[in-house]
PDB file of N, CA and C in Angstrom:
ATOM      1  N   MET A   1      15.192   2.493   9.673  1.00  0.00           N
ATOM      2  CA  MET A   1      14.992   2.595   8.243  1.00  0.00           C
ATOM      3  C   MET A   1      15.255   1.246   7.570  1.00  0.00           C
ATOM      4  N   GLU A   2      16.255   0.552   8.065  1.00  0.00           N
ATOM      5  CA  GLU A   2      16.602  -0.755   7.481  1.00  0.00           C
ATOM      6  C   GLU A   2      15.462  -1.756   7.641  1.00  0.00           C
ATOM      7  N   LYS A   3      14.778  -1.688   8.778  1.00  0.00           N
ATOM      8  CA  LYS A   3      13.666  -2.599   9.022  1.00  0.00           C
ATOM      9  C   LYS A   3      12.540  -2.348   8.016  1.00  0.00           C
ATOM     10  N   LEU A   4      12.270  -1.100   7.744  1.00  0.00           N
ATOM     11  CA  LEU A   4      11.238  -0.745   6.770  1.00  0.00           C
ATOM     12  C   LEU A   4      11.634  -1.173   5.363  1.00  0.00           C
ATOM     13  N   LYS A   5      12.893  -0.967   5.014  1.00  0.00           N
ATOM     14  CA  LYS A   5      13.368  -1.390   3.688  1.00  0.00           C
ATOM     15  C   LYS A   5      13.240  -2.906   3.529  1.00  0.00           C
ATOM     16  N   LYS A   6      13.565  -3.627   4.586  1.00  0.00           N
ATOM     17  CA  LYS A   6      13.469  -5.085   4.527  1.00  0.00           C
ATOM     18  C   LYS A   6      12.004  -5.525   4.424  1.00  0.00           C
ATOM     19  N   ARG A   7      11.148  -4.895   5.211  1.00  0.00           N
ATOM     20  CA  ARG A   7       9.718  -5.237   5.203  1.00  0.00           C
ATOM     21  C   ARG A   7       9.096  -4.975   3.836  1.00  0.00           C
ATOM     22  N   TRP A   8       9.468  -3.871   3.209  1.00  0.00           N
ATOM     23  CA  TRP A   8       8.904  -3.516   1.913  1.00  0.00           C
ATOM     24  C   TRP A   8       9.653  -4.156   0.747  1.00  0.00           C
ATOM     25  N   GLY A   9      10.778  -4.773   1.016  1.00  0.00           N
ATOM     26  CA  GLY A   9      11.546  -5.424  -0.034  1.00  0.00           C
ATOM     27  C   GLY A   9      12.203  -4.450  -0.997  1.00  0.00           C
ATOM     28  N   ILE A  10      12.698  -3.350  -0.469  1.00  0.00           N
ATOM     29  CA  ILE A  10      13.384  -2.375  -1.315  1.00  0.00           C
ATOM     30  C   ILE A  10      14.855  -2.315  -0.912  1.00  0.00           C
ATOM     31  N   ASN A  11      15.665  -1.805  -1.807  1.00  0.00           N
ATOM     32  CA  ASN A  11      17.110  -1.870  -1.624  1.00  0.00           C
ATOM     33  C   ASN A  11      17.782  -0.561  -1.236  1.00  0.00           C
ATOM     34  N   SER A  12      17.344   0.533  -1.788  1.00  0.00           N
ATOM     35  CA  SER A  12      18.115   1.765  -1.619  1.00  0.00           C
ATOM     36  C   SER A  12      17.359   2.831  -0.830  1.00  0.00           C
ATOM     37  N   ASN A  13      18.109   3.754  -0.285  1.00  0.00           N
ATOM     38  CA  ASN A  13      17.522   4.895   0.409  1.00  0.00           C
ATOM     39  C   ASN A  13      16.812   5.822  -0.575  1.00  0.00           C
ATOM     40  N   LEU A  14      17.307   5.890  -1.799  1.00  0.00           N
ATOM     41  CA  LEU A  14      16.647   6.709  -2.820  1.00  0.00           C
ATOM     42  C   LEU A  14      15.252   6.165  -3.105  1.00  0.00           C
ATOM     43  N   GLN A  15      15.134   4.870  -3.195  1.00  0.00           N
ATOM     44  CA  GLN A  15      13.837   4.261  -3.471  1.00  0.00           C
ATOM     45  C   GLN A  15      12.848   4.542  -2.334  1.00  0.00           C
ATOM     46  N   ILE A  16      13.305   4.477  -1.103  1.00  0.00           N
ATOM     47  CA  ILE A  16      12.407   4.775   0.017  1.00  0.00           C
ATOM     48  C   ILE A  16      12.019   6.249   0.029  1.00  0.00           C
ATOM     49  N   ALA A  17      12.928   7.130  -0.359  1.00  0.00           N
ATOM     50  CA  ALA A  17      12.608   8.561  -0.449  1.00  0.00           C
ATOM     51  C   ALA A  17      11.550   8.802  -1.517  1.00  0.00           C
ATOM     52  N   VAL A  18      11.671   8.128  -2.649  1.00  0.00           N
ATOM     53  CA  VAL A  18      10.684   8.264  -3.727  1.00  0.00           C
ATOM     54  C   VAL A  18       9.324   7.750  -3.252  1.00  0.00           C
ATOM     55  N   ILE A  19       9.317   6.642  -2.542  1.00  0.00           N
ATOM     56  CA  ILE A  19       8.062   6.085  -2.034  1.00  0.00           C
ATOM     57  C   ILE A  19       7.401   7.050  -1.058  1.00  0.00           C
ATOM     58  N   PHE A  20       8.167   7.630  -0.155  1.00  0.00           N
ATOM     59  CA  PHE A  20       7.609   8.624   0.773  1.00  0.00           C
ATOM     60  C   PHE A  20       7.083   9.844   0.028  1.00  0.00           C
ATOM     61  N   LEU A  21       7.787  10.264  -1.007  1.00  0.00           N
ATOM     62  CA  LEU A  21       7.342  11.393  -1.819  1.00  0.00           C
ATOM     63  C   LEU A  21       6.014  11.084  -2.497  1.00  0.00           C
ATOM     64  N   VAL A  22       5.880   9.879  -3.030  1.00  0.00           N
ATOM     65  CA  VAL A  22       4.634   9.483  -3.682  1.00  0.00           C
ATOM     66  C   VAL A  22       3.485   9.481  -2.674  1.00  0.00           C
ATOM     67  N   PHE A  23       3.707   8.960  -1.477  1.00  0.00           N
ATOM     68  CA  PHE A  23       2.661   8.984  -0.453  1.00  0.00           C
ATOM     69  C   PHE A  23       2.243  10.421  -0.135  1.00  0.00           C
ATOM     70  N   ALA A  24       3.200  11.315  -0.012  1.00  0.00           N
ATOM     71  CA  ALA A  24       2.900  12.711   0.320  1.00  0.00           C
ATOM     72  C   ALA A  24       2.118  13.398  -0.795  1.00  0.00           C
ATOM     73  N   ILE A  25       2.579  13.238  -2.015  1.00  0.00           N
ATOM     74  CA  ILE A  25       1.900  13.871  -3.156  1.00  0.00           C
ATOM     75  C   ILE A  25       0.496  13.315  -3.313  1.00  0.00           C
ATOM     76  N   THR A  26       0.351  12.014  -3.149  1.00  0.00           N
ATOM     77  CA  THR A  26      -0.956  11.380  -3.319  1.00  0.00           C
ATOM     78  C   THR A  26      -1.953  11.880  -2.274  1.00  0.00           C
ATOM     79  N   GLY A  27      -1.541  11.926  -1.020  1.00  0.00           N
ATOM     80  CA  GLY A  27      -2.447  12.394   0.026  1.00  0.00           C
ATOM     81  C   GLY A  27      -2.880  13.832  -0.178  1.00  0.00           C
ATOM     82  N   SER A  28      -1.943  14.683  -0.510  1.00  0.00           N
ATOM     83  CA  SER A  28      -2.262  16.094  -0.734  1.00  0.00           C
ATOM     84  C   SER A  28      -3.186  16.274  -1.931  1.00  0.00           C
ATOM     85  N   THR A  29      -2.900  15.565  -3.008  1.00  0.00           N
ATOM     86  CA  THR A  29      -3.704  15.688  -4.223  1.00  0.00           C
ATOM     87  C   THR A  29      -5.108  15.151  -4.005  1.00  0.00           C
ATOM     88  N   ALA A  30      -5.243  14.023  -3.321  1.00  0.00           N
ATOM     89  CA  ALA A  30      -6.568  13.451  -3.068  1.00  0.00           C
ATOM     90  C   ALA A  30      -7.416  14.397  -2.228  1.00  0.00           C
ATOM     91  N   ALA A  31      -6.819  14.987  -1.209  1.00  0.00           N
ATOM     92  CA  ALA A  31      -7.553  15.929  -0.364  1.00  0.00           C
ATOM     93  C   ALA A  31      -7.962  17.168  -1.159  1.00  0.00           C
ATOM     94  N   LYS A  32      -7.087  17.625  -2.030  1.00  0.00           N
ATOM     95  CA  LYS A  32      -7.371  18.818  -2.836  1.00  0.00           C
ATOM     96  C   LYS A  32      -8.468  18.544  -3.860  1.00  0.00           C
ATOM     97  N   LEU A  33      -8.456  17.350  -4.475  1.00  0.00           N
ATOM     98  CA  LEU A  33      -9.451  17.019  -5.494  1.00  0.00           C
ATOM     99  C   LEU A  33     -10.830  16.739  -4.906  1.00  0.00           C
ATOM    100  N   ALA A  34     -10.907  16.338  -3.659  1.00  0.00           N
ATOM    101  CA  ALA A  34     -12.192  15.989  -3.060  1.00  0.00           C
ATOM    102  C   ALA A  34     -13.121  17.207  -2.947  1.00  0.00           C
ATOM    103  N   GLU A  35     -12.568  18.370  -2.702  1.00  0.00           N
ATOM    104  CA  GLU A  35     -13.416  19.556  -2.530  1.00  0.00           C
ATOM    105  C   GLU A  35     -14.213  19.915  -3.784  1.00  0.00           C
ATOM    106  N   PRO A  36     -13.574  20.068  -4.956  1.00  0.00           N
ATOM    107  CA  PRO A  36     -14.390  20.407  -6.128  1.00  0.00           C
ATOM    108  C   PRO A  36     -15.354  19.283  -6.532  1.00  0.00           C
ATOM    109  N   ILE A  37     -14.997  18.058  -6.231  1.00  0.00           N
ATOM    110  CA  ILE A  37     -15.901  16.962  -6.582  1.00  0.00           C
ATOM    111  C   ILE A  37     -17.138  16.981  -5.686  1.00  0.00           C
ATOM    112  N   THR A  38     -16.964  17.260  -4.398  1.00  0.00           N
ATOM    113  CA  THR A  38     -18.139  17.368  -3.529  1.00  0.00           C
ATOM    114  C   THR A  38     -19.017  18.540  -3.957  1.00  0.00           C
ATOM    115  N   GLU A  39     -18.415  19.615  -4.380  1.00  0.00           N
ATOM    116  CA  GLU A  39     -19.183  20.757  -4.902  1.00  0.00           C
ATOM    117  C   GLU A  39     -19.951  20.355  -6.160  1.00  0.00           C
ATOM    118  N   MET A  40     -19.295  19.588  -7.031  1.00  0.00           N
ATOM    119  CA  MET A  40     -19.898  19.187  -8.296  1.00  0.00           C
ATOM    120  C   MET A  40     -21.135  18.304  -8.086  1.00  0.00           C
ATOM    121  N   VAL A  41     -21.122  17.475  -7.061  1.00  0.00           N
ATOM    122  CA  VAL A  41     -22.273  16.604  -6.808  1.00  0.00           C
ATOM    123  C   VAL A  41     -23.322  17.271  -5.927  1.00  0.00           C
ATOM    124  N   GLY A  42     -23.137  18.537  -5.622  1.00  0.00           N
ATOM    125  CA  GLY A  42     -24.146  19.295  -4.897  1.00  0.00           C
ATOM    126  C   GLY A  42     -24.007  19.275  -3.386  1.00  0.00           C
ATOM    127  N   LEU A  43     -22.870  18.909  -2.891  1.00  0.00           N
ATOM    128  CA  LEU A  43     -22.644  18.890  -1.451  1.00  0.00           C
ATOM    129  C   LEU A  43     -21.655  19.988  -1.058  1.00  0.00           C
ATOM    130  N   GLY A  44     -22.011  21.202  -1.364  1.00  0.00           N
ATOM    131  CA  GLY A  44     -21.146  22.333  -1.069  1.00  0.00           C
ATOM    132  C   GLY A  44     -21.051  22.615   0.413  1.00  0.00           C
ATOM    133  N   ARG A  45     -19.988  23.242   0.812  1.00  0.00           N
ATOM    134  CA  ARG A  45     -19.745  23.560   2.225  1.00  0.00           C
ATOM    135  C   ARG A  45     -20.829  24.489   2.781  1.00  0.00           C
ATOM    136  N   GLU A  46     -21.310  25.410   1.969  1.00  0.00           N
ATOM    137  CA  GLU A  46     -22.317  26.371   2.424  1.00  0.00           C
ATOM    138  C   GLU A  46     -23.734  25.807   2.378  1.00  0.00           C
ATOM    139  N   THR A  47     -23.984  24.816   1.528  1.00  0.00           N
ATOM    140  CA  THR A  47     -25.342  24.304   1.337  1.00  0.00           C
ATOM    141  C   THR A  47     -25.613  22.993   2.075  1.00  0.00           C
ATOM    142  N   THR A  48     -24.616  22.427   2.704  1.00  0.00           N
ATOM    143  CA  THR A  48     -24.758  21.140   3.369  1.00  0.00           C
ATOM    144  C   THR A  48     -24.283  21.266   4.809  1.00  0.00           C
ATOM    145  N   THR A  49     -24.909  20.492   5.694  1.00  0.00           N
ATOM    146  CA  THR A  49     -24.452  20.521   7.086  1.00  0.00           C
ATOM    147  C   THR A  49     -23.026  19.977   7.157  1.00  0.00           C
ATOM    148  N   ALA A  50     -22.322  20.409   8.176  1.00  0.00           N
ATOM    149  CA  ALA A  50     -20.909  20.035   8.311  1.00  0.00           C
ATOM    150  C   ALA A  50     -20.738  18.523   8.411  1.00  0.00           C
ATOM    151  N   TRP A  51     -21.615  17.851   9.154  1.00  0.00           N
ATOM    152  CA  TRP A  51     -21.489  16.397   9.306  1.00  0.00           C
ATOM    153  C   TRP A  51     -21.604  15.682   7.967  1.00  0.00           C
ATOM    154  N   VAL A  52     -22.561  16.067   7.157  1.00  0.00           N
ATOM    155  CA  VAL A  52     -22.754  15.426   5.854  1.00  0.00           C
ATOM    156  C   VAL A  52     -21.610  15.787   4.912  1.00  0.00           C
ATOM    157  N   TYR A  53     -21.242  17.058   4.900  1.00  0.00           N
ATOM    158  CA  TYR A  53     -20.177  17.504   4.003  1.00  0.00           C
ATOM    159  C   TYR A  53     -18.870  16.769   4.281  1.00  0.00           C
ATOM    160  N   TRP A  54     -18.436  16.733   5.552  1.00  0.00           N
ATOM    161  CA  TRP A  54     -17.149  16.119   5.867  1.00  0.00           C
ATOM    162  C   TRP A  54     -17.191  14.599   5.735  1.00  0.00           C
ATOM    163  N   ALA A  55     -18.316  13.999   6.071  1.00  0.00           N
ATOM    164  CA  ALA A  55     -18.435  12.546   5.884  1.00  0.00           C
ATOM    165  C   ALA A  55     -18.334  12.197   4.396  1.00  0.00           C
ATOM    166  N   ALA A  56     -19.038  12.947   3.555  1.00  0.00           N
ATOM    167  CA  ALA A  56     -18.980  12.696   2.112  1.00  0.00           C
ATOM    168  C   ALA A  56     -17.582  12.949   1.573  1.00  0.00           C
ATOM    169  N   ARG A  57     -16.966  13.994   2.034  1.00  0.00           N
ATOM    170  CA  ARG A  57     -15.627  14.325   1.539  1.00  0.00           C
ATOM    171  C   ARG A  57     -14.603  13.264   1.936  1.00  0.00           C
ATOM    172  N   ILE A  58     -14.666  12.786   3.168  1.00  0.00           N
ATOM    173  CA  ILE A  58     -13.734  11.750   3.614  1.00  0.00           C
ATOM    174  C   ILE A  58     -13.985  10.449   2.852  1.00  0.00           C
ATOM    175  N   LEU A  59     -15.251  10.098   2.659  1.00  0.00           N
ATOM    176  CA  LEU A  59     -15.568   8.896   1.881  1.00  0.00           C
ATOM    177  C   LEU A  59     -15.124   9.030   0.428  1.00  0.00           C
ATOM    178  N   LEU A  60     -15.137  10.224  -0.084  1.00  0.00           N
ATOM    179  CA  LEU A  60     -14.712  10.471  -1.455  1.00  0.00           C
ATOM    180  C   LEU A  60     -13.196  10.432  -1.596  1.00  0.00           C
ATOM    181  N   ILE A  61     -12.497  10.847  -0.569  1.00  0.00           N
ATOM    182  CA  ILE A  61     -11.032  10.849  -0.621  1.00  0.00           C
ATOM    183  C   ILE A  61     -10.491   9.430  -0.783  1.00  0.00           C
ATOM    184  N   PHE A  62     -11.127   8.453  -0.161  1.00  0.00           N
ATOM    185  CA  PHE A  62     -10.605   7.084  -0.195  1.00  0.00           C
ATOM    186  C   PHE A  62     -10.430   6.541  -1.614  1.00  0.00           C
ATOM    187  N   PRO A  63     -11.457   6.514  -2.471  1.00  0.00           N
ATOM    188  CA  PRO A  63     -11.229   5.977  -3.820  1.00  0.00           C
ATOM    189  C   PRO A  63     -10.297   6.846  -4.666  1.00  0.00           C
ATOM    190  N   ILE A  64     -10.351   8.157  -4.461  1.00  0.00           N
ATOM    191  CA  ILE A  64      -9.445   9.039  -5.200  1.00  0.00           C
ATOM    192  C   ILE A  64      -8.005   8.699  -4.830  1.00  0.00           C
ATOM    193  N   TYR A  65      -7.758   8.504  -3.552  1.00  0.00           N
ATOM    194  CA  TYR A  65      -6.420   8.171  -3.068  1.00  0.00           C
ATOM    195  C   TYR A  65      -5.926   6.863  -3.678  1.00  0.00           C
ATOM    196  N   GLN A  66      -6.789   5.857  -3.740  1.00  0.00           N
ATOM    197  CA  GLN A  66      -6.388   4.557  -4.254  1.00  0.00           C
ATOM    198  C   GLN A  66      -5.934   4.651  -5.714  1.00  0.00           C
ATOM    199  N   VAL A  67      -6.690   5.373  -6.504  1.00  0.00           N
ATOM    200  CA  VAL A  67      -6.349   5.528  -7.921  1.00  0.00           C
ATOM    201  C   VAL A  67      -5.073   6.347  -8.083  1.00  0.00           C
ATOM    202  N   LEU A  68      -4.982   7.457  -7.356  1.00  0.00           N
ATOM    203  CA  LEU A  68      -3.809   8.325  -7.478  1.00  0.00           C
ATOM    204  C   LEU A  68      -2.531   7.658  -6.982  1.00  0.00           C
ATOM    205  N   LEU A  69      -2.645   6.804  -5.976  1.00  0.00           N
ATOM    206  CA  LEU A  69      -1.464   6.141  -5.440  1.00  0.00           C
ATOM    207  C   LEU A  69      -0.786   5.296  -6.513  1.00  0.00           C
ATOM    208  N   VAL A  70      -1.575   4.533  -7.241  1.00  0.00           N
ATOM    209  CA  VAL A  70      -1.006   3.707  -8.308  1.00  0.00           C
ATOM    210  C   VAL A  70      -0.525   4.587  -9.464  1.00  0.00           C
ATOM    211  N   LEU A  71      -1.283   5.623  -9.783  1.00  0.00           N
ATOM    212  CA  LEU A  71      -0.901   6.525 -10.878  1.00  0.00           C
ATOM    213  C   LEU A  71       0.415   7.240 -10.586  1.00  0.00           C
ATOM    214  N   PHE A  72       0.531   7.840  -9.402  1.00  0.00           N
ATOM    215  CA  PHE A  72       1.780   8.528  -9.060  1.00  0.00           C
ATOM    216  C   PHE A  72       2.930   7.538  -8.875  1.00  0.00           C
ATOM    217  N   GLY A  73       2.615   6.351  -8.381  1.00  0.00           N
ATOM    218  CA  GLY A  73       3.639   5.311  -8.291  1.00  0.00           C
ATOM    219  C   GLY A  73       4.210   4.982  -9.656  1.00  0.00           C
ATOM    220  N   TRP A  74       3.339   4.919 -10.655  1.00  0.00           N
ATOM    221  CA  TRP A  74       3.784   4.650 -12.031  1.00  0.00           C
ATOM    222  C   TRP A  74       4.634   5.818 -12.547  1.00  0.00           C
ATOM    223  N   VAL A  75       4.169   7.033 -12.312  1.00  0.00           N
ATOM    224  CA  VAL A  75       4.900   8.220 -12.785  1.00  0.00           C
ATOM    225  C   VAL A  75       6.313   8.259 -12.205  1.00  0.00           C
ATOM    226  N   PHE A  76       6.462   7.869 -10.944  1.00  0.00           N
ATOM    227  CA  PHE A  76       7.759   7.914 -10.285  1.00  0.00           C
ATOM    228  C   PHE A  76       8.532   6.603 -10.400  1.00  0.00           C
ATOM    229  N   GLY A  77       8.059   5.683 -11.242  1.00  0.00           N
ATOM    230  CA  GLY A  77       8.787   4.451 -11.506  1.00  0.00           C
ATOM    231  C   GLY A  77       8.678   3.399 -10.409  1.00  0.00           C
ATOM    232  N   GLN A  78       7.657   3.491  -9.591  1.00  0.00           N
ATOM    233  CA  GLN A  78       7.472   2.542  -8.495  1.00  0.00           C
ATOM    234  C   GLN A  78       6.124   1.832  -8.598  1.00  0.00           C
ATOM    235  N   PHE A  79       5.673   1.590  -9.818  1.00  0.00           N
ATOM    236  CA  PHE A  79       4.348   1.002 -10.024  1.00  0.00           C
ATOM    237  C   PHE A  79       4.196  -0.330  -9.304  1.00  0.00           C
ATOM    238  N   GLN A  80       5.153  -1.227  -9.458  1.00  0.00           N
ATOM    239  CA  GLN A  80       5.024  -2.563  -8.883  1.00  0.00           C
ATOM    240  C   GLN A  80       4.896  -2.511  -7.365  1.00  0.00           C
ATOM    241  N   PHE A  81       5.668  -1.655  -6.716  1.00  0.00           N
ATOM    242  CA  PHE A  81       5.577  -1.511  -5.266  1.00  0.00           C
ATOM    243  C   PHE A  81       4.180  -1.051  -4.863  1.00  0.00           C
ATOM    244  N   PHE A  82       3.667  -0.018  -5.525  1.00  0.00           N
ATOM    245  CA  PHE A  82       2.376   0.531  -5.138  1.00  0.00           C
ATOM    246  C   PHE A  82       1.220  -0.366  -5.558  1.00  0.00           C
ATOM    247  N   TRP A  83       1.355  -1.092  -6.644  1.00  0.00           N
ATOM    248  CA  TRP A  83       0.315  -2.042  -7.040  1.00  0.00           C
ATOM    249  C   TRP A  83       0.203  -3.145  -5.986  1.00  0.00           C
ATOM    250  N   ASN A  84       1.335  -3.678  -5.530  1.00  0.00           N
ATOM    251  CA  ASN A  84       1.320  -4.688  -4.469  1.00  0.00           C
ATOM    252  C   ASN A  84       0.795  -4.103  -3.156  1.00  0.00           C
ATOM    253  N   PHE A  85       1.191  -2.885  -2.848  1.00  0.00           N
ATOM    254  CA  PHE A  85       0.728  -2.202  -1.644  1.00  0.00           C
ATOM    255  C   PHE A  85      -0.791  -2.031  -1.685  1.00  0.00           C
ATOM    256  N   GLU A  86      -1.289  -1.628  -2.839  1.00  0.00           N
ATOM    257  CA  GLU A  86      -2.727  -1.413  -3.037  1.00  0.00           C
ATOM    258  C   GLU A  86      -3.510  -2.715  -2.843  1.00  0.00           C
ATOM    259  N   LYS A  87      -3.040  -3.781  -3.446  1.00  0.00           N
ATOM    260  CA  LYS A  87      -3.724  -5.071  -3.320  1.00  0.00           C
ATOM    261  C   LYS A  87      -3.743  -5.534  -1.867  1.00  0.00           C
ATOM    262  N   LYS A  88      -2.625  -5.383  -1.168  1.00  0.00           N
ATOM    263  CA  LYS A  88      -2.554  -5.800   0.226  1.00  0.00           C
ATOM    264  C   LYS A  88      -3.506  -4.971   1.097  1.00  0.00           C
ATOM    265  N   MET A  89      -3.552  -3.670   0.856  1.00  0.00           N
ATOM    266  CA  MET A  89      -4.404  -2.798   1.654  1.00  0.00           C
ATOM    267  C   MET A  89      -5.882  -3.121   1.417  1.00  0.00           C
ATOM    268  N   LEU A  90      -6.268  -3.320   0.172  1.00  0.00           N
ATOM    269  CA  LEU A  90      -7.668  -3.611  -0.114  1.00  0.00           C
ATOM    270  C   LEU A  90      -8.063  -5.001   0.377  1.00  0.00           C
ATOM    271  N   ASN A  91      -7.139  -5.946   0.366  1.00  0.00           N
ATOM    272  CA  ASN A  91      -7.414  -7.265   0.949  1.00  0.00           C
ATOM    273  C   ASN A  91      -7.710  -7.137   2.435  1.00  0.00           C
ATOM    274  N   ARG A  92      -6.950  -6.335   3.118  1.00  0.00           N
ATOM    275  CA  ARG A  92      -7.153  -6.135   4.556  1.00  0.00           C
ATOM    276  C   ARG A  92      -8.478  -5.458   4.859  1.00  0.00           C
ATOM    277  N   LEU A  93      -8.972  -4.669   3.924  1.00  0.00           N
ATOM    278  CA  LEU A  93     -10.259  -3.998   4.102  1.00  0.00           C
ATOM    279  C   LEU A  93     -11.435  -4.861   3.633  1.00  0.00           C
ATOM    280  N   GLY A  94     -11.126  -6.067   3.161  1.00  0.00           N
ATOM    281  CA  GLY A  94     -12.167  -6.967   2.690  1.00  0.00           C
ATOM    282  C   GLY A  94     -12.603  -6.699   1.262  1.00  0.00           C
ATOM    283  N   LEU A  95     -11.808  -5.942   0.527  1.00  0.00           N
ATOM    284  CA  LEU A  95     -12.145  -5.613  -0.860  1.00  0.00           C
ATOM    285  C   LEU A  95     -11.234  -6.331  -1.845  1.00  0.00           C
ATOM    286  N   GLY A  96     -10.619  -7.415  -1.426  1.00  0.00           N
ATOM    287  CA  GLY A  96      -9.707  -8.157  -2.276  1.00  0.00           C
ATOM    288  C   GLY A  96     -10.358  -8.770  -3.490  1.00  0.00           C
ATOM    289  N   PHE A  97     -11.689  -8.952  -3.439  1.00  0.00           N
ATOM    290  CA  PHE A  97     -12.413  -9.518  -4.580  1.00  0.00           C
ATOM    291  C   PHE A  97     -12.312  -8.638  -5.837  1.00  0.00           C
ATOM    292  N   LEU A  98     -11.924  -7.398  -5.667  1.00  0.00           N
ATOM    293  CA  LEU A  98     -11.783  -6.495  -6.813  1.00  0.00           C
ATOM    294  C   LEU A  98     -10.629  -6.897  -7.721  1.00  0.00           C
ATOM    295  N   PHE A  99      -9.701  -7.714  -7.225  1.00  0.00           N
ATOM    296  CA  PHE A  99      -8.522  -8.075  -8.002  1.00  0.00           C
ATOM    297  C   PHE A  99      -8.557  -9.500  -8.493  1.00  0.00           C
ATOM    298  N   LYS A 100      -9.652 -10.168  -8.354  1.00  0.00           N
ATOM    299  CA  LYS A 100      -9.720 -11.574  -8.787  1.00  0.00           C
ATOM    300  C   LYS A 100     -10.443 -11.724 -10.083  1.00  0.00           C
TER     301      LYS A 100
END
């Protein structure tokens, strides 16, 4: 745990617990929101083949997750950590130009 705290530059166990909570809430919420959005754009589970439906849903989860991560980070008082985390992750994916 100490290695992770040092790597992330955080000080307390409470802060790491809050960060883990934000990751959990964000992942669950993004997965939950993707279903009605795929339905809204006409890619329903019953009307679309499984390959197309799940590919679209997984691709849709990614941007939803990115937005929610920063939003929930702000709600839980960890905006700066998640904003830096977001920038680092998008840089690694080659999308760093979005922040310049």
